[in-house]
Amino acid sequence: MGAGLSNDEIAERLFVATVTVKTHTDRAMARLGVRDRAQLVVIAYETGLVRAGERQG
């Protein structure tokens, strides 16, 4: 997600169903109290989970 991938692209890379990615995304949003994917990405950058300019997987 932090690399700008869609749910379908994430699912393909992780060899899981798209609905699985959607479920995990929704649960992360609920636990972190955010309203959309963009806020999840901001949190990923702020916490150092993702770094600007780094290529993911």
Protein backbone atom coordinates (compact mmCIF):
# COMPACT_ATOMS: atom_id res chain seq x y z
CA MET A 1 0.00 0.00 0.00
CA GLY A 2 2.82 2.36 0.88
CA ALA A 3 4.28 1.71 -2.55
CA GLY A 4 1.03 2.75 -4.21
CA LEU A 5 -0.16 -0.76 -5.02
CA SER A 6 -3.81 -1.64 -5.42
CA ASN A 7 -5.44 -4.45 -3.45
CA ASP A 8 -5.23 -6.67 -6.53
CA GLU A 9 -1.50 -5.97 -6.95
CA ILE A 10 -0.80 -6.60 -3.27
CA ALA A 11 -2.77 -9.86 -3.38
CA GLU A 12 -0.83 -11.02 -6.43
CA ARG A 13 2.52 -10.31 -4.79
CA LEU A 14 1.55 -12.04 -1.54
CA PHE A 15 -0.25 -14.97 -3.21
CA VAL A 16 -3.48 -14.32 -1.34
CA ALA A 17 -7.02 -13.42 -2.39
CA THR A 18 -7.91 -9.78 -2.98
CA VAL A 19 -10.62 -10.07 -0.32
CA THR A 20 -7.90 -11.05 2.18
CA VAL A 21 -6.00 -7.84 1.45
CA LYS A 22 -9.22 -5.84 1.78
CA THR A 23 -9.98 -7.49 5.12
CA HIS A 24 -6.52 -6.71 6.52
CA THR A 25 -6.70 -3.15 5.20
CA ASP A 26 -10.10 -2.60 6.82
CA ARG A 27 -8.91 -4.05 10.13
CA ALA A 28 -5.78 -1.88 10.14
CA MET A 29 -7.91 1.19 9.43
CA ALA A 30 -10.28 0.31 12.27
CA ARG A 31 -7.51 -0.34 14.78
CA LEU A 32 -5.66 2.84 13.88
CA GLY A 33 -8.81 4.93 13.71
CA VAL A 34 -8.26 6.20 10.17
CA ARG A 35 -10.84 6.72 7.44
CA ASP A 36 -8.94 5.82 4.26
CA ARG A 37 -5.88 4.19 2.69
CA ALA A 38 -4.13 7.53 2.35
CA GLN A 39 -4.06 7.90 6.12
CA LEU A 40 -2.64 4.39 6.46
CA VAL A 41 0.15 5.35 4.08
CA VAL A 42 0.89 8.52 6.07
CA ILE A 43 1.16 6.44 9.24
CA ALA A 44 3.48 3.98 7.46
CA TYR A 45 5.81 6.85 6.52
CA GLU A 46 5.61 8.57 9.90
CA THR A 47 6.48 5.39 11.77
CA GLY A 48 9.32 4.42 9.42
CA LEU A 49 7.57 1.33 8.08
CA VAL A 50 8.04 2.82 4.59
CA ARG A 51 10.77 5.24 3.53
CA ALA A 52 10.59 7.71 0.68
CA GLY A 53 12.54 6.55 -2.36
CA GLU A 54 12.85 2.94 -1.25
CA ARG A 55 11.58 0.32 -3.61
CA GLN A 56 9.23 -2.24 -2.08
CA GLY A 57 9.53 -5.97 -2.85
